Amino acid sequence: SKIKTTKKISITLIIVALLTIIINPFSQKVLEITAKESNIPNILSAGV
C-alpha cells in the first residue's frame, strides 16, 4: 500500500482491535469450551 503511514497505523489498529474482540470466542468455539469467560475487557481495549 502507498497510503500515508498514519493511515497504515490506523488500519493496523483496527485489525488488532477486531482480533482482540473475536479471538476469545473463536478459540472457545474451536476448542469446544463451554464455560465462556467475559469478553468485556477485550472489547474495552478494542474500543480504545
ModelCIF file with pLDDT and N, C-alpha, C, O atoms, coordinates in Angstrom:
data_MODEL
#
_entry.id   MODEL 
#
_entity.id                         1 
_entity.type                       polymer 
_entity.pdbx_number_of_molecules   1 
#
_entity_poly.entity_id                      1 
_entity_poly.type                           'polypeptide(L)' 
_entity_poly.nstd_linkage                   no 
_entity_poly.nstd_monomer                   no 
_entity_poly.pdbx_seq_one_letter_code       SKIKTTKKISITLIIVALLTIIINPFSQKVLEITAKESNIPNILSAGV 
_entity_poly.pdbx_seq_one_letter_code_can   SKIKTTKKISITLIIVALLTIIINPFSQKVLEITAKESNIPNILSAGV 
_entity_poly.pdbx_strand_id                 A 
#
loop_
_entity_poly_seq.entity_id 
_entity_poly_seq.num 
_entity_poly_seq.mon_id 
_entity_poly_seq.hetero 
1 1  SER n 
1 2  LYS n 
1 3  ILE n 
1 4  LYS n 
1 5  THR n 
1 6  THR n 
1 7  LYS n 
1 8  LYS n 
1 9  ILE n 
1 10 SER n 
1 11 ILE n 
1 12 THR n 
1 13 LEU n 
1 14 ILE n 
1 15 ILE n 
1 16 VAL n 
1 17 ALA n 
1 18 LEU n 
1 19 LEU n 
1 20 THR n 
1 21 ILE n 
1 22 ILE n 
1 23 ILE n 
1 24 ASN n 
1 25 PRO n 
1 26 PHE n 
1 27 SER n 
1 28 GLN n 
1 29 LYS n 
1 30 VAL n 
1 31 LEU n 
1 32 GLU n 
1 33 ILE n 
1 34 THR n 
1 35 ALA n 
1 36 LYS n 
1 37 GLU n 
1 38 SER n 
1 39 ASN n 
1 40 ILE n 
1 41 PRO n 
1 42 ASN n 
1 43 ILE n 
1 44 LEU n 
1 45 SER n 
1 46 ALA n 
1 47 GLY n 
1 48 VAL n 
#
_struct_asym.id          A 
_struct_asym.entity_id   1 
#
loop_
_ma_qa_metric.id 
_ma_qa_metric.mode 
_ma_qa_metric.name 
_ma_qa_metric.software_group_id 
_ma_qa_metric.type 
1 global pLDDT . pLDDT 
2 local  pLDDT . pLDDT 
#
_ma_qa_metric_global.metric_id      1 
_ma_qa_metric_global.metric_value   87.42 
_ma_qa_metric_global.model_id       1 
_ma_qa_metric_global.ordinal_id     1 
#
loop_
_ma_qa_metric_local.label_asym_id 
_ma_qa_metric_local.label_comp_id 
_ma_qa_metric_local.label_seq_id 
_ma_qa_metric_local.metric_id 
_ma_qa_metric_local.metric_value 
_ma_qa_metric_local.model_id 
_ma_qa_metric_local.ordinal_id 
A SER 1  2 87.00 1 1  
A LYS 2  2 85.00 1 2  
A ILE 3  2 86.00 1 3  
A LYS 4  2 86.00 1 4  
A THR 5  2 87.00 1 5  
A THR 6  2 88.00 1 6  
A LYS 7  2 88.00 1 7  
A LYS 8  2 90.00 1 8  
A ILE 9  2 91.00 1 9  
A SER 10 2 92.00 1 10 
A ILE 11 2 92.00 1 11 
A THR 12 2 93.00 1 12 
A LEU 13 2 93.00 1 13 
A ILE 14 2 94.00 1 14 
A ILE 15 2 93.00 1 15 
A VAL 16 2 93.00 1 16 
A ALA 17 2 93.00 1 17 
A LEU 18 2 93.00 1 18 
A LEU 19 2 92.00 1 19 
A THR 20 2 92.00 1 20 
A ILE 21 2 92.00 1 21 
A ILE 22 2 92.00 1 22 
A ILE 23 2 90.00 1 23 
A ASN 24 2 88.00 1 24 
A PRO 25 2 88.00 1 25 
A PHE 26 2 90.00 1 26 
A SER 27 2 89.00 1 27 
A GLN 28 2 87.00 1 28 
A LYS 29 2 88.00 1 29 
A VAL 30 2 90.00 1 30 
A LEU 31 2 84.00 1 31 
A GLU 32 2 82.00 1 32 
A ILE 33 2 79.00 1 33 
A THR 34 2 76.00 1 34 
A ALA 35 2 65.00 1 35 
A LYS 36 2 67.00 1 36 
A GLU 37 2 70.00 1 37 
A SER 38 2 76.00 1 38 
A ASN 39 2 80.00 1 39 
A ILE 40 2 87.00 1 40 
A PRO 41 2 86.00 1 41 
A ASN 42 2 88.00 1 42 
A ILE 43 2 91.00 1 43 
A LEU 44 2 93.00 1 44 
A SER 45 2 92.00 1 45 
A ALA 46 2 92.00 1 46 
A GLY 47 2 93.00 1 47 
A VAL 48 2 93.00 1 48 
#
loop_
_atom_site.group_PDB 
_atom_site.id 
_atom_site.type_symbol 
_atom_site.label_atom_id 
_atom_site.label_alt_id 
_atom_site.label_comp_id 
_atom_site.label_asym_id 
_atom_site.label_entity_id 
_atom_site.label_seq_id 
_atom_site.pdbx_PDB_ins_code 
_atom_site.Cartn_x 
_atom_site.Cartn_y 
_atom_site.Cartn_z 
_atom_site.occupancy 
_atom_site.B_iso_or_equiv 
_atom_site.pdbx_formal_charge 
_atom_site.auth_seq_id 
_atom_site.auth_comp_id 
_atom_site.auth_asym_id 
_atom_site.auth_atom_id 
_atom_site.pdbx_PDB_model_num 
ATOM 1   N N  . SER A 1 1  ? 0.824   -1.203  0.000  1.00 87.00 ? 1  SER A N  1 
ATOM 2   C CA . SER A 1 1  ? 0.000   0.000   0.000  1.00 87.00 ? 1  SER A CA 1 
ATOM 3   C C  . SER A 1 1  ? 0.858   1.253   0.000  1.00 87.00 ? 1  SER A C  1 
ATOM 4   O O  . SER A 1 1  ? 1.911   1.292   0.637  1.00 87.00 ? 1  SER A O  1 
ATOM 5   N N  . LYS A 1 2  ? 0.408   2.280   -0.716 1.00 85.00 ? 2  LYS A N  1 
ATOM 6   C CA . LYS A 1 2  ? 1.135   3.542   -0.789 1.00 85.00 ? 2  LYS A CA 1 
ATOM 7   C C  . LYS A 1 2  ? 0.423   4.665   -0.038 1.00 85.00 ? 2  LYS A C  1 
ATOM 8   O O  . LYS A 1 2  ? 0.728   5.840   -0.243 1.00 85.00 ? 2  LYS A O  1 
ATOM 9   N N  . ILE A 1 3  ? -0.520  4.310   0.825  1.00 86.00 ? 3  ILE A N  1 
ATOM 10  C CA . ILE A 1 3  ? -1.233  5.318   1.596  1.00 86.00 ? 3  ILE A CA 1 
ATOM 11  C C  . ILE A 1 3  ? -0.327  5.858   2.705  1.00 86.00 ? 3  ILE A C  1 
ATOM 12  O O  . ILE A 1 3  ? 0.733   5.292   2.975  1.00 86.00 ? 3  ILE A O  1 
ATOM 13  N N  . LYS A 1 4  ? -0.742  6.945   3.342  1.00 86.00 ? 4  LYS A N  1 
ATOM 14  C CA . LYS A 1 4  ? 0.054   7.577   4.388  1.00 86.00 ? 4  LYS A CA 1 
ATOM 15  C C  . LYS A 1 4  ? 0.332   6.608   5.532  1.00 86.00 ? 4  LYS A C  1 
ATOM 16  O O  . LYS A 1 4  ? -0.457  5.705   5.812  1.00 86.00 ? 4  LYS A O  1 
ATOM 17  N N  . THR A 1 5  ? 1.473   6.817   6.184  1.00 87.00 ? 5  THR A N  1 
ATOM 18  C CA . THR A 1 5  ? 1.872   5.963   7.306  1.00 87.00 ? 5  THR A CA 1 
ATOM 19  C C  . THR A 1 5  ? 0.834   6.001   8.419  1.00 87.00 ? 5  THR A C  1 
ATOM 20  O O  . THR A 1 5  ? 0.538   4.971   9.026  1.00 87.00 ? 5  THR A O  1 
ATOM 21  N N  . THR A 1 6  ? 0.273   7.192   8.694  1.00 88.00 ? 6  THR A N  1 
ATOM 22  C CA . THR A 1 6  ? -0.725  7.295   9.760  1.00 88.00 ? 6  THR A CA 1 
ATOM 23  C C  . THR A 1 6  ? -1.962  6.457   9.454  1.00 88.00 ? 6  THR A C  1 
ATOM 24  O O  . THR A 1 6  ? -2.576  5.891   10.359 1.00 88.00 ? 6  THR A O  1 
ATOM 25  N N  . LYS A 1 7  ? -2.325  6.380   8.174  1.00 88.00 ? 7  LYS A N  1 
ATOM 26  C CA . LYS A 1 7  ? -3.484  5.565   7.791  1.00 88.00 ? 7  LYS A CA 1 
ATOM 27  C C  . LYS A 1 7  ? -3.147  4.068   7.910  1.00 88.00 ? 7  LYS A C  1 
ATOM 28  O O  . LYS A 1 7  ? -3.998  3.265   8.292  1.00 88.00 ? 7  LYS A O  1 
ATOM 29  N N  . LYS A 1 8  ? -1.912  3.705   7.584  1.00 90.00 ? 8  LYS A N  1 
ATOM 30  C CA . LYS A 1 8  ? -1.495  2.312   7.758  1.00 90.00 ? 8  LYS A CA 1 
ATOM 31  C C  . LYS A 1 8  ? -1.566  1.913   9.232  1.00 90.00 ? 8  LYS A C  1 
ATOM 32  O O  . LYS A 1 8  ? -2.047  0.834   9.575  1.00 90.00 ? 8  LYS A O  1 
ATOM 33  N N  . ILE A 1 9  ? -1.078  2.805   10.093 1.00 91.00 ? 9  ILE A N  1 
ATOM 34  C CA . ILE A 1 9  ? -1.143  2.531   11.532 1.00 91.00 ? 9  ILE A CA 1 
ATOM 35  C C  . ILE A 1 9  ? -2.593  2.419   11.977 1.00 91.00 ? 9  ILE A C  1 
ATOM 36  O O  . ILE A 1 9  ? -2.938  1.565   12.793 1.00 91.00 ? 9  ILE A O  1 
ATOM 37  N N  . SER A 1 10 ? -3.436  3.287   11.432 1.00 92.00 ? 10 SER A N  1 
ATOM 38  C CA . SER A 1 10 ? -4.858  3.269   11.769 1.00 92.00 ? 10 SER A CA 1 
ATOM 39  C C  . SER A 1 10 ? -5.499  1.939   11.408 1.00 92.00 ? 10 SER A C  1 
ATOM 40  O O  . SER A 1 10 ? -6.218  1.346   12.213 1.00 92.00 ? 10 SER A O  1 
ATOM 41  N N  . ILE A 1 11 ? -5.234  1.474   10.193 1.00 92.00 ? 11 ILE A N  1 
ATOM 42  C CA . ILE A 1 11 ? -5.802  0.195   9.744  1.00 92.00 ? 11 ILE A CA 1 
ATOM 43  C C  . ILE A 1 11 ? -5.255  -0.962  10.576 1.00 92.00 ? 11 ILE A C  1 
ATOM 44  O O  . ILE A 1 11 ? -5.984  -1.900  10.900 1.00 92.00 ? 11 ILE A O  1 
ATOM 45  N N  . THR A 1 12 ? -3.967  -0.891  10.918 1.00 93.00 ? 12 THR A N  1 
ATOM 46  C CA . THR A 1 12 ? -3.363  -1.919  11.774 1.00 93.00 ? 12 THR A CA 1 
ATOM 47  C C  . THR A 1 12 ? -4.063  -1.983  13.122 1.00 93.00 ? 12 THR A C  1 
ATOM 48  O O  . THR A 1 12 ? -4.337  -3.067  13.636 1.00 93.00 ? 12 THR A O  1 
ATOM 49  N N  . LEU A 1 13 ? -4.353  -0.814  13.695 1.00 93.00 ? 13 LEU A N  1 
ATOM 50  C CA . LEU A 1 13 ? -5.067  -0.771  14.976 1.00 93.00 ? 13 LEU A CA 1 
ATOM 51  C C  . LEU A 1 13 ? -6.463  -1.382  14.857 1.00 93.00 ? 13 LEU A C  1 
ATOM 52  O O  . LEU A 1 13 ? -6.922  -2.077  15.763 1.00 93.00 ? 13 LEU A O  1 
ATOM 53  N N  . ILE A 1 14 ? -7.134  -1.117  13.731 1.00 94.00 ? 14 ILE A N  1 
ATOM 54  C CA . ILE A 1 14 ? -8.461  -1.704  13.512 1.00 94.00 ? 14 ILE A CA 1 
ATOM 55  C C  . ILE A 1 14 ? -8.360  -3.227  13.450 1.00 94.00 ? 14 ILE A C  1 
ATOM 56  O O  . ILE A 1 14 ? -9.182  -3.936  14.031 1.00 94.00 ? 14 ILE A O  1 
ATOM 57  N N  . ILE A 1 15 ? -7.345  -3.720  12.740 1.00 93.00 ? 15 ILE A N  1 
ATOM 58  C CA . ILE A 1 15 ? -7.139  -5.170  12.622 1.00 93.00 ? 15 ILE A CA 1 
ATOM 59  C C  . ILE A 1 15 ? -6.890  -5.791  13.994 1.00 93.00 ? 15 ILE A C  1 
ATOM 60  O O  . ILE A 1 15 ? -7.486  -6.811  14.341 1.00 93.00 ? 15 ILE A O  1 
ATOM 61  N N  . VAL A 1 16 ? -6.004  -5.165  14.771 1.00 93.00 ? 16 VAL A N  1 
ATOM 62  C CA . VAL A 1 16 ? -5.702  -5.681  16.115 1.00 93.00 ? 16 VAL A CA 1 
ATOM 63  C C  . VAL A 1 16 ? -6.931  -5.620  17.001 1.00 93.00 ? 16 VAL A C  1 
ATOM 64  O O  . VAL A 1 16 ? -7.172  -6.531  17.793 1.00 93.00 ? 16 VAL A O  1 
ATOM 65  N N  . ALA A 1 17 ? -7.723  -4.540  16.876 1.00 93.00 ? 17 ALA A N  1 
ATOM 66  C CA . ALA A 1 17 ? -8.940  -4.404  17.675 1.00 93.00 ? 17 ALA A CA 1 
ATOM 67  C C  . ALA A 1 17 ? -9.940  -5.518  17.355 1.00 93.00 ? 17 ALA A C  1 
ATOM 68  O O  . ALA A 1 17 ? -10.524 -6.119  18.257 1.00 93.00 ? 17 ALA A O  1 
ATOM 69  N N  . LEU A 1 18 ? -10.129 -5.786  16.060 1.00 93.00 ? 18 LEU A N  1 
ATOM 70  C CA . LEU A 1 18 ? -11.050 -6.860  15.660 1.00 93.00 ? 18 LEU A CA 1 
ATOM 71  C C  . LEU A 1 18 ? -10.566 -8.208  16.183 1.00 93.00 ? 18 LEU A C  1 
ATOM 72  O O  . LEU A 1 18 ? -11.351 -9.012  16.686 1.00 93.00 ? 18 LEU A O  1 
ATOM 73  N N  . LEU A 1 19 ? -9.259  -8.443  16.057 1.00 92.00 ? 19 LEU A N  1 
ATOM 74  C CA . LEU A 1 19 ? -8.691  -9.699  16.541 1.00 92.00 ? 19 LEU A CA 1 
ATOM 75  C C  . LEU A 1 19 ? -8.868  -9.823  18.053 1.00 92.00 ? 19 LEU A C  1 
ATOM 76  O O  . LEU A 1 19 ? -9.155  -10.907 18.561 1.00 92.00 ? 19 LEU A O  1 
ATOM 77  N N  . THR A 1 20 ? -8.695  -8.711  18.770 1.00 92.00 ? 20 THR A N  1 
ATOM 78  C CA . THR A 1 20 ? -8.853  -8.710  20.226 1.00 92.00 ? 20 THR A CA 1 
ATOM 79  C C  . THR A 1 20 ? -10.279 -9.090  20.630 1.00 92.00 ? 20 THR A C  1 
ATOM 80  O O  . THR A 1 20 ? -10.495 -9.798  21.614 1.00 92.00 ? 20 THR A O  1 
ATOM 81  N N  . ILE A 1 21 ? -11.238 -8.608  19.854 1.00 92.00 ? 21 ILE A N  1 
ATOM 82  C CA . ILE A 1 21 ? -12.650 -8.877  20.180 1.00 92.00 ? 21 ILE A CA 1 
ATOM 83  C C  . ILE A 1 21 ? -13.031 -10.330 19.910 1.00 92.00 ? 21 ILE A C  1 
ATOM 84  O O  . ILE A 1 21 ? -13.728 -10.952 20.711 1.00 92.00 ? 21 ILE A O  1 
ATOM 85  N N  . ILE A 1 22 ? -12.575 -10.866 18.783 1.00 92.00 ? 22 ILE A N  1 
ATOM 86  C CA . ILE A 1 22 ? -13.096 -12.168 18.353 1.00 92.00 ? 22 ILE A CA 1 
ATOM 87  C C  . ILE A 1 22 ? -12.213 -13.360 18.701 1.00 92.00 ? 22 ILE A C  1 
ATOM 88  O O  . ILE A 1 22 ? -12.651 -14.501 18.561 1.00 92.00 ? 22 ILE A O  1 
ATOM 89  N N  . ILE A 1 23 ? -10.968 -13.124 19.157 1.00 90.00 ? 23 ILE A N  1 
ATOM 90  C CA . ILE A 1 23 ? -10.075 -14.255 19.369 1.00 90.00 ? 23 ILE A CA 1 
ATOM 91  C C  . ILE A 1 23 ? -10.563 -15.188 20.485 1.00 90.00 ? 23 ILE A C  1 
ATOM 92  O O  . ILE A 1 23 ? -10.495 -16.409 20.347 1.00 90.00 ? 23 ILE A O  1 
ATOM 93  N N  . ASN A 1 24 ? -11.054 -14.611 21.589 1.00 88.00 ? 24 ASN A N  1 
ATOM 94  C CA . ASN A 1 24 ? -11.524 -15.463 22.688 1.00 88.00 ? 24 ASN A CA 1 
ATOM 95  C C  . ASN A 1 24 ? -12.729 -16.316 22.296 1.00 88.00 ? 24 ASN A C  1 
ATOM 96  O O  . ASN A 1 24 ? -12.692 -17.534 22.473 1.00 88.00 ? 24 ASN A O  1 
ATOM 97  N N  . PRO A 1 25 ? -13.823 -15.696 21.757 1.00 88.00 ? 25 PRO A N  1 
ATOM 98  C CA . PRO A 1 25 ? -14.963 -16.513 21.331 1.00 88.00 ? 25 PRO A CA 1 
ATOM 99  C C  . PRO A 1 25 ? -14.586 -17.554 20.273 1.00 88.00 ? 25 PRO A C  1 
ATOM 100 O O  . PRO A 1 25 ? -15.080 -18.681 20.297 1.00 88.00 ? 25 PRO A O  1 
ATOM 101 N N  . PHE A 1 26 ? -13.702 -17.161 19.342 1.00 90.00 ? 26 PHE A N  1 
ATOM 102 C CA . PHE A 1 26 ? -13.282 -18.093 18.290 1.00 90.00 ? 26 PHE A CA 1 
ATOM 103 C C  . PHE A 1 26 ? -12.525 -19.279 18.881 1.00 90.00 ? 26 PHE A C  1 
ATOM 104 O O  . PHE A 1 26 ? -12.787 -20.429 18.530 1.00 90.00 ? 26 PHE A O  1 
ATOM 105 N N  . SER A 1 27 ? -11.581 -18.988 19.783 1.00 89.00 ? 27 SER A N  1 
ATOM 106 C CA . SER A 1 27 ? -10.790 -20.056 20.407 1.00 89.00 ? 27 SER A CA 1 
ATOM 107 C C  . SER A 1 27 ? -11.681 -20.992 21.221 1.00 89.00 ? 27 SER A C  1 
ATOM 108 O O  . SER A 1 27 ? -11.509 -22.211 21.173 1.00 89.00 ? 27 SER A O  1 
ATOM 109 N N  . GLN A 1 28 ? -12.635 -20.426 21.973 1.00 87.00 ? 28 GLN A N  1 
ATOM 110 C CA . GLN A 1 28 ? -13.555 -21.249 22.765 1.00 87.00 ? 28 GLN A CA 1 
ATOM 111 C C  . GLN A 1 28 ? -14.411 -22.136 21.880 1.00 87.00 ? 28 GLN A C  1 
ATOM 112 O O  . GLN A 1 28 ? -14.722 -23.275 22.228 1.00 87.00 ? 28 GLN A O  1 
ATOM 113 N N  . LYS A 1 29 ? -14.788 -21.596 20.729 1.00 88.00 ? 29 LYS A N  1 
ATOM 114 C CA . LYS A 1 29 ? -15.598 -22.374 19.784 1.00 88.00 ? 29 LYS A CA 1 
ATOM 115 C C  . LYS A 1 29 ? -14.781 -23.535 19.211 1.00 88.00 ? 29 LYS A C  1 
ATOM 116 O O  . LYS A 1 29 ? -15.263 -24.666 19.146 1.00 88.00 ? 29 LYS A O  1 
ATOM 117 N N  . VAL A 1 30 ? -13.546 -23.250 18.797 1.00 90.00 ? 30 VAL A N  1 
ATOM 118 C CA . VAL A 1 30 ? -12.698 -24.282 18.200 1.00 90.00 ? 30 VAL A CA 1 
ATOM 119 C C  . VAL A 1 30 ? -12.343 -25.356 19.230 1.00 90.00 ? 30 VAL A C  1 
ATOM 120 O O  . VAL A 1 30 ? -12.366 -26.548 18.925 1.00 90.00 ? 30 VAL A O  1 
ATOM 121 N N  . LEU A 1 31 ? -12.017 -24.925 20.449 1.00 84.00 ? 31 LEU A N  1 
ATOM 122 C CA . LEU A 1 31 ? -11.620 -25.862 21.496 1.00 84.00 ? 31 LEU A CA 1 
ATOM 123 C C  . LEU A 1 31 ? -12.815 -26.483 22.214 1.00 84.00 ? 31 LEU A C  1 
ATOM 124 O O  . LEU A 1 31 ? -12.656 -27.318 23.104 1.00 84.00 ? 31 LEU A O  1 
ATOM 125 N N  . GLU A 1 32 ? -14.016 -26.059 21.808 1.00 82.00 ? 32 GLU A N  1 
ATOM 126 C CA . GLU A 1 32 ? -15.267 -26.592 22.376 1.00 82.00 ? 32 GLU A CA 1 
ATOM 127 C C  . GLU A 1 32 ? -15.326 -26.395 23.890 1.00 82.00 ? 32 GLU A C  1 
ATOM 128 O O  . GLU A 1 32 ? -15.665 -27.303 24.648 1.00 82.00 ? 32 GLU A O  1 
ATOM 129 N N  . ILE A 1 33 ? -14.984 -25.170 24.298 1.00 79.00 ? 33 ILE A N  1 
ATOM 130 C CA . ILE A 1 33 ? -15.046 -24.808 25.711 1.00 79.00 ? 33 ILE A CA 1 
ATOM 131 C C  . ILE A 1 33 ? -16.426 -24.233 26.003 1.00 79.00 ? 33 ILE A C  1 
ATOM 132 O O  . ILE A 1 33 ? -16.852 -23.275 25.357 1.00 79.00 ? 33 ILE A O  1 
ATOM 133 N N  . THR A 1 34 ? -17.108 -24.801 26.950 1.00 76.00 ? 34 THR A N  1 
ATOM 134 C CA . THR A 1 34 ? -18.485 -24.367 27.258 1.00 76.00 ? 34 THR A CA 1 
ATOM 135 C C  . THR A 1 34 ? -18.506 -23.206 28.255 1.00 76.00 ? 34 THR A C  1 
ATOM 136 O O  . THR A 1 34 ? -19.344 -22.311 28.143 1.00 76.00 ? 34 THR A O  1 
ATOM 137 N N  . ALA A 1 35 ? -17.594 -23.217 29.224 1.00 65.00 ? 35 ALA A N  1 
ATOM 138 C CA . ALA A 1 35 ? -17.559 -22.160 30.239 1.00 65.00 ? 35 ALA A CA 1 
ATOM 139 C C  . ALA A 1 35 ? -16.880 -20.931 29.632 1.00 65.00 ? 35 ALA A C  1 
ATOM 140 O O  . ALA A 1 35 ? -15.653 -20.839 29.590 1.00 65.00 ? 35 ALA A O  1 
ATOM 141 N N  . LYS A 1 36 ? -17.691 -20.002 29.169 1.00 67.00 ? 36 LYS A N  1 
ATOM 142 C CA . LYS A 1 36 ? -17.157 -18.840 28.476 1.00 67.00 ? 36 LYS A CA 1 
ATOM 143 C C  . LYS A 1 36 ? -16.753 -17.744 29.471 1.00 67.00 ? 36 LYS A C  1 
ATOM 144 O O  . LYS A 1 36 ? -17.488 -17.430 30.407 1.00 67.00 ? 36 LYS A O  1 
ATOM 145 N N  . GLU A 1 37 ? -15.564 -17.173 29.243 1.00 70.00 ? 37 GLU A N  1 
ATOM 146 C CA . GLU A 1 37 ? -15.111 -16.059 30.065 1.00 70.00 ? 37 GLU A CA 1 
ATOM 147 C C  . GLU A 1 37 ? -15.638 -14.748 29.493 1.00 70.00 ? 37 GLU A C  1 
ATOM 148 O O  . GLU A 1 37 ? -15.960 -14.651 28.309 1.00 70.00 ? 37 GLU A O  1 
ATOM 149 N N  . SER A 1 38 ? -15.717 -13.751 30.354 1.00 76.00 ? 38 SER A N  1 
ATOM 150 C CA . SER A 1 38 ? -16.203 -12.447 29.910 1.00 76.00 ? 38 SER A CA 1 
ATOM 151 C C  . SER A 1 38 ? -15.249 -11.840 28.889 1.00 76.00 ? 38 SER A C  1 
ATOM 152 O O  . SER A 1 38 ? -14.030 -11.867 29.057 1.00 76.00 ? 38 SER A O  1 
ATOM 153 N N  . ASN A 1 39 ? -15.828 -11.297 27.835 1.00 80.00 ? 39 ASN A N  1 
ATOM 154 C CA . ASN A 1 39 ? -15.020 -10.691 26.770 1.00 80.00 ? 39 ASN A CA 1 
ATOM 155 C C  . ASN A 1 39 ? -15.021 -9.170  26.889 1.00 80.00 ? 39 ASN A C  1 
ATOM 156 O O  . ASN A 1 39 ? -14.500 -8.473  26.019 1.00 80.00 ? 39 ASN A O  1 
ATOM 157 N N  . ILE A 1 40 ? -15.610 -8.659  27.974 1.00 87.00 ? 40 ILE A N  1 
ATOM 158 C CA . ILE A 1 40 ? -15.742 -7.209  28.141 1.00 87.00 ? 40 ILE A CA 1 
ATOM 159 C C  . ILE A 1 40 ? -14.391 -6.493  28.182 1.00 87.00 ? 40 ILE A C  1 
ATOM 160 O O  . ILE A 1 40 ? -14.248 -5.461  27.527 1.00 87.00 ? 40 ILE A O  1 
ATOM 161 N N  . PRO A 1 41 ? -13.371 -7.001  28.934 1.00 86.00 ? 41 PRO A N  1 
ATOM 162 C CA . PRO A 1 41 ? -12.074 -6.318  28.927 1.00 86.00 ? 41 PRO A CA 1 
ATOM 163 C C  . PRO A 1 41 ? -11.472 -6.186  27.530 1.00 86.00 ? 41 PRO A C  1 
ATOM 164 O O  . PRO A 1 41 ? -10.905 -5.153  27.177 1.00 86.00 ? 41 PRO A O  1 
ATOM 165 N N  . ASN A 1 42 ? -11.609 -7.260  26.740 1.00 88.00 ? 42 ASN A N  1 
ATOM 166 C CA . ASN A 1 42 ? -11.088 -7.211  25.367 1.00 88.00 ? 42 ASN A CA 1 
ATOM 167 C C  . ASN A 1 42 ? -11.835 -6.188  24.531 1.00 88.00 ? 42 ASN A C  1 
ATOM 168 O O  . ASN A 1 42 ? -11.240 -5.474  23.724 1.00 88.00 ? 42 ASN A O  1 
ATOM 169 N N  . ILE A 1 43 ? -13.158 -6.121  24.734 1.00 91.00 ? 43 ILE A N  1 
ATOM 170 C CA . ILE A 1 43 ? -13.979 -5.173  23.977 1.00 91.00 ? 43 ILE A CA 1 
ATOM 171 C C  . ILE A 1 43 ? -13.607 -3.737  24.333 1.00 91.00 ? 43 ILE A C  1 
ATOM 172 O O  . ILE A 1 43 ? -13.533 -2.875  23.457 1.00 91.00 ? 43 ILE A O  1 
ATOM 173 N N  . LEU A 1 44 ? -13.374 -3.480  25.619 1.00 93.00 ? 44 LEU A N  1 
ATOM 174 C CA . LEU A 1 44 ? -12.984 -2.140  26.057 1.00 93.00 ? 44 LEU A CA 1 
ATOM 175 C C  . LEU A 1 44 ? -11.616 -1.748  25.467 1.00 93.00 ? 44 LEU A C  1 
ATOM 176 O O  . LEU A 1 44 ? -11.430 -0.622  25.006 1.00 93.00 ? 44 LEU A O  1 
ATOM 177 N N  . SER A 1 45 ? -10.665 -2.696  25.490 1.00 92.00 ? 45 SER A N  1 
ATOM 178 C CA . SER A 1 45 ? -9.346  -2.430  24.907 1.00 92.00 ? 45 SER A CA 1 
ATOM 179 C C  . SER A 1 45 ? -9.460  -2.147  23.413 1.00 92.00 ? 45 SER A C  1 
ATOM 180 O O  . SER A 1 45 ? -8.811  -1.245  22.883 1.00 92.00 ? 45 SER A O  1 
ATOM 181 N N  . ALA A 1 46 ? -10.302 -2.939  22.743 1.00 92.00 ? 46 ALA A N  1 
ATOM 182 C CA . ALA A 1 46 ? -10.502 -2.747  21.305 1.00 92.00 ? 46 ALA A CA 1 
ATOM 183 C C  . ALA A 1 46 ? -11.140 -1.390  21.028 1.00 92.00 ? 46 ALA A C  1 
ATOM 184 O O  . ALA A 1 46 ? -10.818 -0.734  20.037 1.00 92.00 ? 46 ALA A O  1 
ATOM 185 N N  . GLY A 1 47 ? -12.041 -0.977  21.906 1.00 93.00 ? 47 GLY A N  1 
ATOM 186 C CA . GLY A 1 47 ? -12.693 0.323   21.735 1.00 93.00 ? 47 GLY A CA 1 
ATOM 187 C C  . GLY A 1 47 ? -11.696 1.470   21.770 1.00 93.00 ? 47 GLY A C  1 
ATOM 188 O O  . GLY A 1 47 ? -11.786 2.406   20.975 1.00 93.00 ? 47 GLY A O  1 
ATOM 189 N N  . VAL A 1 48 ? -10.746 1.394   22.697 1.00 93.00 ? 48 VAL A N  1 
ATOM 190 C CA . VAL A 1 48 ? -9.702  2.425   22.787 1.00 93.00 ? 48 VAL A CA 1 
ATOM 191 C C  . VAL A 1 48 ? -8.877  2.442   21.508 1.00 93.00 ? 48 VAL A C  1 
ATOM 192 O O  . VAL A 1 48 ? -7.947  3.239   21.383 1.00 93.00 ? 48 VAL A O  1 
#
